[in-house]
C-alpha atoms as a PDB file:
ATOM      1  CA  UNK A   1      80.968  46.638  82.831  1.00  0.00           C
ATOM      2  CA  UNK A   2      84.639  47.310  84.660  1.00  0.00           C
ATOM      3  CA  UNK A   3      86.516  50.173  85.317  1.00  0.00           C
ATOM      4  CA  UNK A   4      89.664  51.398  86.849  1.00  0.00           C
ATOM      5  CA  UNK A   5      89.208  53.665  89.718  1.00  0.00           C
ATOM      6  CA  UNK A   6      91.571  55.880  91.650  1.00  0.00           C
ATOM      7  CA  UNK A   7      91.197  55.039  95.273  1.00  0.00           C
ATOM      8  CA  UNK A   8      93.097  57.063  97.964  1.00  0.00           C
ATOM      9  CA  UNK A   9      95.112  54.630  99.794  1.00  0.00           C
ATOM     10  CA  UNK A  10      97.020  56.713 102.119  1.00  0.00           C
ATOM     11  CA  UNK A  11      97.246  60.402 103.457  1.00  0.00           C
ATOM     12  CA  UNK A  12      99.723  62.366 105.119  1.00  0.00           C
ATOM     13  CA  UNK A  13     100.575  65.995 106.295  1.00  0.00           C
ATOM     14  CA  UNK A  14     103.195  68.116 107.487  1.00  0.00           C
ATOM     15  CA  UNK A  15     103.105  71.497 109.474  1.00  0.00           C
ATOM     16  CA  UNK A  16     106.300  73.567 110.235  1.00  0.00           C
ATOM     17  CA  UNK A  17     106.660  73.958 114.179  1.00  0.00           C
ATOM     18  CA  UNK A  18     106.792  77.503 114.164  1.00  0.00           C
ATOM     19  CA  UNK A  19     103.374  78.832 115.134  1.00  0.00           C
ATOM     20  CA  UNK A  20     102.679  82.542 114.359  1.00  0.00           C
ATOM     21  CA  UNK A  21      99.437  83.480 116.343  1.00  0.00           C
ATOM     22  CA  UNK A  22      97.143  86.296 115.719  1.00  0.00           C
ATOM     23  CA  UNK A  23      98.634  87.953 118.947  1.00  0.00           C
ATOM     24  CA  UNK A  24     101.816  87.868 117.772  1.00  0.00           C
ATOM     25  CA  UNK A  25     100.667  89.825 114.324  1.00  0.00           C
ATOM     26  CA  UNK A  26      99.251  92.305 116.459  1.00  0.00           C
ATOM     27  CA  UNK A  27     103.294  93.306 116.891  1.00  0.00           C
ATOM     28  CA  UNK A  28     103.755  93.179 113.378  1.00  0.00           C
ATOM     29  CA  UNK A  29     100.906  95.092 111.700  1.00  0.00           C
ATOM     30  CA  UNK A  30      98.006  97.104 112.646  1.00  0.00           C
ATOM     31  CA  UNK A  31      95.414  94.435 113.194  1.00  0.00           C
ATOM     32  CA  UNK A  32      93.910  92.454 116.254  1.00  0.00           C
ATOM     33  CA  UNK A  33      93.039  88.903 117.234  1.00  0.00           C
ATOM     34  CA  UNK A  34      89.407  89.927 117.163  1.00  0.00           C
ATOM     35  CA  UNK A  35      89.403  91.607 113.590  1.00  0.00           C
ATOM     36  CA  UNK A  36      91.108  88.598 112.034  1.00  0.00           C
ATOM     37  CA  UNK A  37      88.773  85.648 113.633  1.00  0.00           C
ATOM     38  CA  UNK A  38      85.683  87.763 113.057  1.00  0.00           C
ATOM     39  CA  UNK A  39      86.744  87.990 109.347  1.00  0.00           C
ATOM     40  CA  UNK A  40      88.596  84.942 108.675  1.00  0.00           C
ATOM     41  CA  UNK A  41      88.004  82.406 111.432  1.00  0.00           C
ATOM     42  CA  UNK A  42      91.767  82.152 111.414  1.00  0.00           C
ATOM     43  CA  UNK A  43      93.842  81.889 115.238  1.00  0.00           C
ATOM     44  CA  UNK A  44      97.029  80.890 113.804  1.00  0.00           C
ATOM     45  CA  UNK A  45      99.450  79.872 111.120  1.00  0.00           C
ATOM     46  CA  UNK A  46     102.529  77.633 110.794  1.00  0.00           C
ATOM     47  CA  UNK A  47     105.782  79.419 109.299  1.00  0.00           C
ATOM     48  CA  UNK A  48     108.521  77.303 107.861  1.00  0.00           C
ATOM     49  CA  UNK A  49     112.074  77.549 109.170  1.00  0.00           C
ATOM     50  CA  UNK A  50     114.665  79.624 107.501  1.00  0.00           C
ATOM     51  CA  UNK A  51     116.437  76.470 106.035  1.00  0.00           C
ATOM     52  CA  UNK A  52     113.417  74.727 104.754  1.00  0.00           C
ATOM     53  CA  UNK A  53     112.121  74.805 101.363  1.00  0.00           C
ATOM     54  CA  UNK A  54     109.141  73.779  99.932  1.00  0.00           C
ATOM     55  CA  UNK A  55     110.011  70.229  99.117  1.00  0.00           C
ATOM     56  CA  UNK A  56     111.060  69.459 102.726  1.00  0.00           C
ATOM     57  CA  UNK A  57     107.526  69.929 103.735  1.00  0.00           C
ATOM     58  CA  UNK A  58     106.380  67.971 100.836  1.00  0.00           C
ATOM     59  CA  UNK A  59     108.716  65.105 101.738  1.00  0.00           C
ATOM     60  CA  UNK A  60     107.448  64.926 105.156  1.00  0.00           C
ATOM     61  CA  UNK A  61     104.062  64.744 104.219  1.00  0.00           C
ATOM     62  CA  UNK A  62     104.685  62.234 101.330  1.00  0.00           C
ATOM     63  CA  UNK A  63     106.466  59.831 103.748  1.00  0.00           C
ATOM     64  CA  UNK A  64     103.452  59.899 106.171  1.00  0.00           C
ATOM     65  CA  UNK A  65     101.260  58.982 103.302  1.00  0.00           C
ATOM     66  CA  UNK A  66     103.313  56.428 102.054  1.00  0.00           C
ATOM     67  CA  UNK A  67     103.269  54.701 105.648  1.00  0.00           C
ATOM     68  CA  UNK A  68      99.311  55.094 105.639  1.00  0.00           C
ATOM     69  CA  UNK A  69      99.371  53.161 102.453  1.00  0.00           C
ATOM     70  CA  UNK A  70     101.627  50.578 103.593  1.00  0.00           C
ATOM     71  CA  UNK A  71     103.739  51.165 100.626  1.00  0.00           C
ATOM     72  CA  UNK A  72     107.561  52.180  99.927  1.00  0.00           C
ATOM     73  CA  UNK A  73     109.023  54.638  97.675  1.00  0.00           C
ATOM     74  CA  UNK A  74     109.918  52.427  95.049  1.00  0.00           C
ATOM     75  CA  UNK A  75     106.144  51.537  94.589  1.00  0.00           C
ATOM     76  CA  UNK A  76     105.464  54.974  93.173  1.00  0.00           C
ATOM     77  CA  UNK A  77     105.066  55.466  89.143  1.00  0.00           C
ATOM     78  CA  UNK A  78     104.391  59.196  89.223  1.00  0.00           C
ATOM     79  CA  UNK A  79     104.587  62.197  91.439  1.00  0.00           C
ATOM     80  CA  UNK A  80     102.725  65.197  90.728  1.00  0.00           C
ATOM     81  CA  UNK A  81     103.031  68.149  92.990  1.00  0.00           C
ATOM     82  CA  UNK A  82     100.714  71.081  93.431  1.00  0.00           C
ATOM     83  CA  UNK A  83     102.663  74.315  94.311  1.00  0.00           C
ATOM     84  CA  UNK A  84     103.095  78.211  93.879  1.00  0.00           C
ATOM     85  CA  UNK A  85     106.146  78.313  95.979  1.00  0.00           C
ATOM     86  CA  UNK A  86     108.681  76.071  93.912  1.00  0.00           C
ATOM     87  CA  UNK A  87     112.135  75.550  95.468  1.00  0.00           C
ATOM     88  CA  UNK A  88     113.785  76.782  92.165  1.00  0.00           C
ATOM     89  CA  UNK A  89     112.294  78.123  88.888  1.00  0.00           C
ATOM     90  CA  UNK A  90     113.524  74.805  87.630  1.00  0.00           C
ATOM     91  CA  UNK A  91     113.878  71.943  87.741  1.00  0.00           C
ATOM     92  CA  UNK A  92     110.659  71.299  89.229  1.00  0.00           C
ATOM     93  CA  UNK A  93     110.026  70.616  92.866  1.00  0.00           C
ATOM     94  CA  UNK A  94     108.417  67.044  92.284  1.00  0.00           C
ATOM     95  CA  UNK A  95     111.611  65.904  90.923  1.00  0.00           C
ATOM     96  CA  UNK A  96     113.465  67.250  93.966  1.00  0.00           C
ATOM     97  CA  UNK A  97     111.073  65.199  95.760  1.00  0.00           C
ATOM     98  CA  UNK A  98     111.528  62.314  93.761  1.00  0.00           C
ATOM     99  CA  UNK A  99     115.333  62.457  94.756  1.00  0.00           C
ATOM    100  CA  UNK A 100     114.838  63.017  98.349  1.00  0.00           C
ATOM    101  CA  UNK A 101     112.679  59.722  98.474  1.00  0.00           C
ATOM    102  CA  UNK A 102     115.128  58.039  96.812  1.00  0.00           C
ATOM    103  CA  UNK A 103     113.130  57.159  93.625  1.00  0.00           C
ATOM    104  CA  UNK A 104     114.504  56.545  90.253  1.00  0.00           C
ATOM    105  CA  UNK A 105     112.082  55.436  88.175  1.00  0.00           C
ATOM    106  CA  UNK A 106     108.675  56.903  86.495  1.00  0.00           C
ATOM    107  CA  UNK A 107     107.751  60.419  86.400  1.00  0.00           C
ATOM    108  CA  UNK A 108     107.678  63.700  88.349  1.00  0.00           C
ATOM    109  CA  UNK A 109     106.301  67.173  87.625  1.00  0.00           C
ATOM    110  CA  UNK A 110     104.823  70.238  88.961  1.00  0.00           C
ATOM    111  CA  UNK A 111     101.054  71.491  88.695  1.00  0.00           C
ATOM    112  CA  UNK A 112     100.512  75.424  89.188  1.00  0.00           C
ATOM    113  CA  UNK A 113      96.845  76.480  89.933  1.00  0.00           C
ATOM    114  CA  UNK A 114      97.753  78.242  93.181  1.00  0.00           C
ATOM    115  CA  UNK A 115      94.826  76.988  95.772  1.00  0.00           C
ATOM    116  CA  UNK A 116      92.979  74.774  93.274  1.00  0.00           C
ATOM    117  CA  UNK A 117      96.300  73.239  92.584  1.00  0.00           C
ATOM    118  CA  UNK A 118      95.793  70.039  94.515  1.00  0.00           C
ATOM    119  CA  UNK A 119      92.295  69.305  92.776  1.00  0.00           C
ATOM    120  CA  UNK A 120      93.841  70.099  89.373  1.00  0.00           C
ATOM    121  CA  UNK A 121      96.907  67.788  90.543  1.00  0.00           C
ATOM    122  CA  UNK A 122      94.457  65.101  91.812  1.00  0.00           C
ATOM    123  CA  UNK A 123      92.377  65.230  88.371  1.00  0.00           C
ATOM    124  CA  UNK A 124      95.843  64.726  86.546  1.00  0.00           C
ATOM    125  CA  UNK A 125      96.942  61.753  88.569  1.00  0.00           C
ATOM    126  CA  UNK A 126      93.550  60.119  88.253  1.00  0.00           C
ATOM    127  CA  UNK A 127      93.333  60.562  84.495  1.00  0.00           C
ATOM    128  CA  UNK A 128      97.137  58.560  84.497  1.00  0.00           C
ATOM    129  CA  UNK A 129      95.600  55.989  86.272  1.00  0.00           C
ATOM    130  CA  UNK A 130      92.318  55.302  84.292  1.00  0.00           C
ATOM    131  CA  UNK A 131      94.691  55.288  81.209  1.00  0.00           C
ATOM    132  CA  UNK A 132      96.719  52.353  82.744  1.00  0.00           C
ATOM    133  CA  UNK A 133      99.879  54.713  82.725  1.00  0.00           C
ATOM    134  CA  UNK A 134     100.552  54.243  86.628  1.00  0.00           C
ATOM    135  CA  UNK A 135      99.215  52.147  89.452  1.00  0.00           C
ATOM    136  CA  UNK A 136     100.538  54.295  92.622  1.00  0.00           C
ATOM    137  CA  UNK A 137     100.852  58.206  92.256  1.00  0.00           C
ATOM    138  CA  UNK A 138     101.909  60.591  95.047  1.00  0.00           C
ATOM    139  CA  UNK A 139      99.783  63.597  94.775  1.00  0.00           C
ATOM    140  CA  UNK A 140     101.244  66.467  96.986  1.00  0.00           C
ATOM    141  CA  UNK A 141     100.226  70.018  97.825  1.00  0.00           C
ATOM    142  CA  UNK A 142     103.114  72.168  99.463  1.00  0.00           C
ATOM    143  CA  UNK A 143     103.511  75.703 100.014  1.00  0.00           C
ATOM    144  CA  UNK A 144     105.780  78.159 101.606  1.00  0.00           C
ATOM    145  CA  UNK A 145     103.411  81.207 101.343  1.00  0.00           C
ATOM    146  CA  UNK A 146     105.239  83.041 103.845  1.00  0.00           C
ATOM    147  CA  UNK A 147     108.137  83.764 101.333  1.00  0.00           C
ATOM    148  CA  UNK A 148     105.897  85.674  99.082  1.00  0.00           C
ATOM    149  CA  UNK A 149     103.896  87.845 101.696  1.00  0.00           C
ATOM    150  CA  UNK A 150     104.056  91.504 102.184  1.00  0.00           C
ATOM    151  CA  UNK A 151     104.570  91.297 105.949  1.00  0.00           C
ATOM    152  CA  UNK A 152     103.259  95.217 106.267  1.00  0.00           C
ATOM    153  CA  UNK A 153     100.251  94.503 104.356  1.00  0.00           C
ATOM    154  CA  UNK A 154      97.483  93.531 107.181  1.00  0.00           C
ATOM    155  CA  UNK A 155      94.846  92.327 104.572  1.00  0.00           C
ATOM    156  CA  UNK A 156      97.000  89.763 103.179  1.00  0.00           C
ATOM    157  CA  UNK A 157      99.589  88.875 105.422  1.00  0.00           C
ATOM    158  CA  UNK A 158      96.974  87.592 108.050  1.00  0.00           C
ATOM    159  CA  UNK A 159      95.482  84.872 105.829  1.00  0.00           C
ATOM    160  CA  UNK A 160      98.190  82.670 104.924  1.00  0.00           C
ATOM    161  CA  UNK A 161     100.643  79.860 106.177  1.00  0.00           C
ATOM    162  CA  UNK A 162     103.158  77.088 105.384  1.00  0.00           C
ATOM    163  CA  UNK A 163     102.027  73.678 105.417  1.00  0.00           C
ATOM    164  CA  UNK A 164     102.188  70.361 103.104  1.00  0.00           C
ATOM    165  CA  UNK A 165      99.615  67.419 102.656  1.00  0.00           C
ATOM    166  CA  UNK A 166     100.104  64.370 100.578  1.00  0.00           C
ATOM    167  CA  UNK A 167      98.097  61.233  99.372  1.00  0.00           C
ATOM    168  CA  UNK A 168      98.898  58.162  97.701  1.00  0.00           C
ATOM    169  CA  UNK A 169      96.455  57.416  94.911  1.00  0.00           C
ATOM    170  CA  UNK A 170      96.137  53.689  93.872  1.00  0.00           C
ATOM    171  CA  UNK A 171      94.388  51.845  90.785  1.00  0.00           C
ATOM    172  CA  UNK A 172      91.524  49.348  91.764  1.00  0.00           C
ATOM    173  CA  UNK A 173      88.907  47.780  89.740  1.00  0.00           C
ATOM    174  CA  UNK A 174      85.409  48.696  89.917  1.00  0.00           C
ATOM    175  CA  UNK A 175      82.321  47.999  88.390  1.00  0.00           C
ATOM    176  CA  UNK A 176      81.707  50.986  86.860  1.00  0.00           C
ATOM    177  CA  UNK A 177      79.146  52.944  88.763  1.00  0.00           C
ATOM    178  CA  UNK A 178      78.520  54.828  91.974  1.00  0.00           C
ATOM    179  CA  UNK A 179      79.019  51.908  94.330  1.00  0.00           C
ATOM    180  CA  UNK A 180      82.775  52.039  93.428  1.00  0.00           C
ATOM    181  CA  UNK A 181      85.184  53.248  95.889  1.00  0.00           C
ATOM    182  CA  UNK A 182      87.550  56.050  94.744  1.00  0.00           C
ATOM    183  CA  UNK A 183      87.206  59.024  92.162  1.00  0.00           C
ATOM    184  CA  UNK A 184      83.755  59.335  90.745  1.00  0.00           C
ATOM    185  CA  UNK A 185      83.815  62.493  89.185  1.00  0.00           C
ATOM    186  CA  UNK A 186      85.938  65.602  88.653  1.00  0.00           C
ATOM    187  CA  UNK A 187      85.709  69.015  86.916  1.00  0.00           C
ATOM    188  CA  UNK A 188      87.960  71.680  86.788  1.00  0.00           C
ATOM    189  CA  UNK A 189      87.898  75.554  85.101  1.00  0.00           C
ATOM    190  CA  UNK A 190      89.597  78.713  84.725  1.00  0.00           C
ATOM    191  CA  UNK A 191      88.817  82.108  83.593  1.00  0.00           C
ATOM    192  CA  UNK A 192      92.272  84.282  82.907  1.00  0.00           C
ATOM    193  CA  UNK A 193      90.218  87.399  82.951  1.00  0.00           C
ATOM    194  CA  UNK A 194      90.365  87.796  86.544  1.00  0.00           C
ATOM    195  CA  UNK A 195      93.937  87.459  86.935  1.00  0.00           C
ATOM    196  CA  UNK A 196      94.315  91.103  88.828  1.00  0.00           C
ATOM    197  CA  UNK A 197      92.033  90.151  91.711  1.00  0.00           C
ATOM    198  CA  UNK A 198      94.366  87.425  93.133  1.00  0.00           C
ATOM    199  CA  UNK A 199      98.093  87.461  91.994  1.00  0.00           C
ATOM    200  CA  UNK A 200     101.857  87.744  92.656  1.00  0.00           C
ATOM    201  CA  UNK A 201     103.360  90.997  91.301  1.00  0.00           C
ATOM    202  CA  UNK A 202     106.648  89.463  90.185  1.00  0.00           C
ATOM    203  CA  UNK A 203     107.903  86.781  87.861  1.00  0.00           C
ATOM    204  CA  UNK A 204     110.936  85.253  85.874  1.00  0.00           C
ATOM    205  CA  UNK A 205     109.883  86.976  82.491  1.00  0.00           C
ATOM    206  CA  UNK A 206     108.212  90.365  83.747  1.00  0.00           C
ATOM    207  CA  UNK A 207     109.985  91.575  87.039  1.00  0.00           C
ATOM    208  CA  UNK A 208     112.907  89.081  87.404  1.00  0.00           C
ATOM    209  CA  UNK A 209     111.712  89.014  91.185  1.00  0.00           C
ATOM    210  CA  UNK A 210     109.818  86.644  93.230  1.00  0.00           C
ATOM    211  CA  UNK A 211     107.105  89.586  94.004  1.00  0.00           C
ATOM    212  CA  UNK A 212     104.577  89.560  96.836  1.00  0.00           C
ATOM    213  CA  UNK A 213     100.863  88.351  96.951  1.00  0.00           C
ATOM    214  CA  UNK A 214      98.160  91.041  96.133  1.00  0.00           C
ATOM    215  CA  UNK A 215      94.482  90.577  96.281  1.00  0.00           C
ATOM    216  CA  UNK A 216      91.182  92.142  96.190  1.00  0.00           C
ATOM    217  CA  UNK A 217      89.548  90.207  98.823  1.00  0.00           C
ATOM    218  CA  UNK A 218      85.917  91.113  98.406  1.00  0.00           C
ATOM    219  CA  UNK A 219      85.867  90.401  94.822  1.00  0.00           C
ATOM    220  CA  UNK A 220      87.700  86.747  95.240  1.00  0.00           C
ATOM    221  CA  UNK A 221      84.929  86.113  98.161  1.00  0.00           C
ATOM    222  CA  UNK A 222      82.043  86.833  95.900  1.00  0.00           C
ATOM    223  CA  UNK A 223      83.464  84.555  92.972  1.00  0.00           C
ATOM    224  CA  UNK A 224      84.487  82.038  95.423  1.00  0.00           C
ATOM    225  CA  UNK A 225      81.008  81.444  96.531  1.00  0.00           C
ATOM    226  CA  UNK A 226      79.393  81.112  93.437  1.00  0.00           C
ATOM    227  CA  UNK A 227      81.999  79.391  91.568  1.00  0.00           C
ATOM    228  CA  UNK A 228      82.595  76.603  94.327  1.00  0.00           C
ATOM    229  CA  UNK A 229      78.986  75.984  94.795  1.00  0.00           C
ATOM    230  CA  UNK A 230      78.720  75.784  90.635  1.00  0.00           C
ATOM    231  CA  UNK A 231      81.422  73.265  90.458  1.00  0.00           C
ATOM    232  CA  UNK A 232      79.933  70.963  93.351  1.00  0.00           C
ATOM    233  CA  UNK A 233      76.868  71.071  91.401  1.00  0.00           C
ATOM    234  CA  UNK A 234      78.413  69.806  88.264  1.00  0.00           C
ATOM    235  CA  UNK A 235      80.113  66.711  90.059  1.00  0.00           C
ATOM    236  CA  UNK A 236      76.791  65.828  91.752  1.00  0.00           C
ATOM    237  CA  UNK A 237      75.326  65.961  88.446  1.00  0.00           C
ATOM    238  CA  UNK A 238      77.771  63.803  86.702  1.00  0.00           C
ATOM    239  CA  UNK A 239      77.043  61.087  89.121  1.00  0.00           C
ATOM    240  CA  UNK A 240      73.484  61.606  89.629  1.00  0.00           C
ATOM    241  CA  UNK A 241      73.857  62.817  93.168  1.00  0.00           C
ATOM    242  CA  UNK A 242      72.415  65.251  95.209  1.00  0.00           C
ATOM    243  CA  UNK A 243      73.721  67.231  98.228  1.00  0.00           C
ATOM    244  CA  UNK A 244      71.767  64.789 100.558  1.00  0.00           C
ATOM    245  CA  UNK A 245      74.157  62.166  99.398  1.00  0.00           C
ATOM    246  CA  UNK A 246      77.270  64.261 100.670  1.00  0.00           C
ATOM    247  CA  UNK A 247      78.913  62.853 104.037  1.00  0.00           C
ATOM    248  CA  UNK A 248      81.984  65.400 104.012  1.00  0.00           C
ATOM    249  CA  UNK A 249      82.901  68.458 102.010  1.00  0.00           C
ATOM    250  CA  UNK A 250      86.644  68.976 102.312  1.00  0.00           C
ATOM    251  CA  UNK A 251      87.149  72.430 100.821  1.00  0.00           C
ATOM    252  CA  UNK A 252      90.180  74.538 100.408  1.00  0.00           C
ATOM    253  CA  UNK A 253      90.748  76.263 103.469  1.00  0.00           C
ATOM    254  CA  UNK A 254      90.799  80.125 102.815  1.00  0.00           C
ATOM    255  CA  UNK A 255      88.347  81.722 104.887  1.00  0.00           C
ATOM    256  CA  UNK A 256      85.780  80.787 107.449  1.00  0.00           C
ATOM    257  CA  UNK A 257      83.098  83.064 105.568  1.00  0.00           C
ATOM    258  CA  UNK A 258      83.499  81.538 102.238  1.00  0.00           C
ATOM    259  CA  UNK A 259      83.478  77.798 103.847  1.00  0.00           C
ATOM    260  CA  UNK A 260      79.993  78.851 105.345  1.00  0.00           C
ATOM    261  CA  UNK A 261      78.825  80.961 102.358  1.00  0.00           C
ATOM    262  CA  UNK A 262      79.480  77.916 100.021  1.00  0.00           C
ATOM    263  CA  UNK A 263      77.546  75.532 102.723  1.00  0.00           C
ATOM    264  CA  UNK A 264      74.681  77.590 102.820  1.00  0.00           C
ATOM    265  CA  UNK A 265      74.338  78.156  99.001  1.00  0.00           C
ATOM    266  CA  UNK A 266      74.550  74.009  98.700  1.00  0.00           C
ATOM    267  CA  UNK A 267      72.212  73.799 101.436  1.00  0.00           C
ATOM    268  CA  UNK A 268      74.487  71.454 103.158  1.00  0.00           C
ATOM    269  CA  UNK A 269      74.551  71.386 107.074  1.00  0.00           C
ATOM    270  CA  UNK A 270      77.824  73.116 108.226  1.00  0.00           C
ATOM    271  CA  UNK A 271      78.658  69.881 110.264  1.00  0.00           C
ATOM    272  CA  UNK A 272      79.450  68.148 107.280  1.00  0.00           C
ATOM    273  CA  UNK A 273      82.234  70.661 106.511  1.00  0.00           C
ATOM    274  CA  UNK A 274      85.939  69.721 107.491  1.00  0.00           C
ATOM    275  CA  UNK A 275      87.504  72.996 108.796  1.00  0.00           C
ATOM    276  CA  UNK A 276      91.042  73.635 109.676  1.00  0.00           C
ATOM    277  CA  UNK A 277      91.561  77.105 108.494  1.00  0.00           C
ATOM    278  CA  UNK A 278      91.673  78.182 112.244  1.00  0.00           C
ATOM    279  CA  UNK A 279      94.518  75.974 113.091  1.00  0.00           C
ATOM    280  CA  UNK A 280      96.707  76.756 109.643  1.00  0.00           C
ATOM    281  CA  UNK A 281      95.227  79.624 107.749  1.00  0.00           C
ATOM    282  CA  UNK A 282      95.249  79.553 104.060  1.00  0.00           C
ATOM    283  CA  UNK A 283      98.337  76.952 103.000  1.00  0.00           C
ATOM    284  CA  UNK A 284      96.830  77.331  99.336  1.00  0.00           C
ATOM    285  CA  UNK A 285      97.669  73.783  97.594  1.00  0.00           C
ATOM    286  CA  UNK A 286      98.156  72.314 100.670  1.00  0.00           C
ATOM    287  CA  UNK A 287      95.107  73.059 102.492  1.00  0.00           C
ATOM    288  CA  UNK A 288      92.762  70.269 101.102  1.00  0.00           C
ATOM    289  CA  UNK A 289      95.013  67.593 101.692  1.00  0.00           C
ATOM    290  CA  UNK A 290      95.993  68.634 105.287  1.00  0.00           C
ATOM    291  CA  UNK A 291      92.173  68.908 106.130  1.00  0.00           C
ATOM    292  CA  UNK A 292      91.734  65.480 104.541  1.00  0.00           C
ATOM    293  CA  UNK A 293      94.546  64.084 106.455  1.00  0.00           C
ATOM    294  CA  UNK A 294      93.185  65.435 109.810  1.00  0.00           C
ATOM    295  CA  UNK A 295      89.438  64.240 109.104  1.00  0.00           C
ATOM    296  CA  UNK A 296      90.675  60.763 107.996  1.00  0.00           C
ATOM    297  CA  UNK A 297      92.938  60.105 111.105  1.00  0.00           C
ATOM    298  CA  UNK A 298      90.498  61.521 113.650  1.00  0.00           C
ATOM    299  CA  UNK A 299      87.684  58.828 112.197  1.00  0.00           C
ATOM    300  CA  UNK A 300      85.445  61.418 110.897  1.00  0.00           C
ATOM    301  CA  UNK A 301      85.690  60.091 107.339  1.00  0.00           C
ATOM    302  CA  UNK A 302      85.045  56.379 107.037  1.00  0.00           C
ATOM    303  CA  UNK A 303      84.480  53.782 104.526  1.00  0.00           C
ATOM    304  CA  UNK A 304      82.084  54.446 101.780  1.00  0.00           C
ATOM    305  CA  UNK A 305      81.557  57.995 102.843  1.00  0.00           C
ATOM    306  CA  UNK A 306      80.861  60.247  99.500  1.00  0.00           C
ATOM    307  CA  UNK A 307      83.472  62.813 100.194  1.00  0.00           C
ATOM    308  CA  UNK A 308      83.841  66.159  97.889  1.00  0.00           C
ATOM    309  CA  UNK A 309      87.053  68.129  97.530  1.00  0.00           C
ATOM    310  CA  UNK A 310      86.789  71.575  96.223  1.00  0.00           C
ATOM    311  CA  UNK A 311      89.010  74.582  95.922  1.00  0.00           C
ATOM    312  CA  UNK A 312      89.492  78.073  93.826  1.00  0.00           C
ATOM    313  CA  UNK A 313      92.485  79.983  93.575  1.00  0.00           C
ATOM    314  CA  UNK A 314      94.131  82.652  91.513  1.00  0.00           C
ATOM    315  CA  UNK A 315      93.680  82.626  87.866  1.00  0.00           C
ATOM    316  CA  UNK A 316      90.957  82.245  88.644  1.00  0.00           C
ATOM    317  CA  UNK A 317      91.055  78.180  88.610  1.00  0.00           C
ATOM    318  CA  UNK A 318      88.406  76.437  90.447  1.00  0.00           C
ATOM    319  CA  UNK A 319      87.610  72.692  90.486  1.00  0.00           C
ATOM    320  CA  UNK A 320      85.942  69.601  92.527  1.00  0.00           C
ATOM    321  CA  UNK A 321      86.573  65.872  92.880  1.00  0.00           C
ATOM    322  CA  UNK A 322      83.555  63.518  94.267  1.00  0.00           C
ATOM    323  CA  UNK A 323      84.767  60.327  95.522  1.00  0.00           C
ATOM    324  CA  UNK A 324      83.618  57.351  97.624  1.00  0.00           C
ATOM    325  CA  UNK A 325      86.127  56.567 100.531  1.00  0.00           C
END
């Protein structure tokens, strides 16, 4: 049996130049470097310049991913951008990225699933490829969360940063079993009952304002560990694999305690978890591709490795993808 697989043929990332350290935040809110590191593992975050918009970050990351894949922008059939901080209410940030890259064919659209956005976008792109509707897809996670933070709320403003990560997802023929390279299984979920635990208190049709991020941290933590371990179990079951088969987990970089808690629940060594939250904090939909790009470029992730990407975000939304590199 033959099958069309979606392989990651290139990765790229971008972080704004401005770095805001925990020490810097001590001058803004009632917090401390020690308090932030102990509870989150975060040491610093990157903040976009005043003249940067989300599509600027996305284009910078996408350009590096295209270079990594040895492709030109003209080779791209589809662009899927995961973001909660779009340039405009409409049109989509993806069409702006398309214009800035000089692409005039194919299609482009945004996906909004907050921190799970990249997994949702990747799953969507995979289905386009498997349906034969695209050969090369740019999948981008890009965020400027600094624009929706309440900088007087010490419980949330210390957690987030800005950045973008991108991959090129390409079609490749496989034999239809676990020996194939590419995405072998993916699962996505949502449960809208938990809206009030992680949300932004503004919107076009409600307040006509952008609003600020609000979060019930303890409840989010509790649900995150359970949901992430569960969905990782699902993709392992779908592929008849076990946690022993995993070489690397590249998780959404929300909080070091969530990463550690999920690893313990799955009985996976922390050494197999790619951690970058200390360097750029929670960049929402951008955090998985940022971490993935780092682990690929520094040589940790190599050919034939089994890699799991997993995330949970507001909604609640959550999901995981299992792939062979």
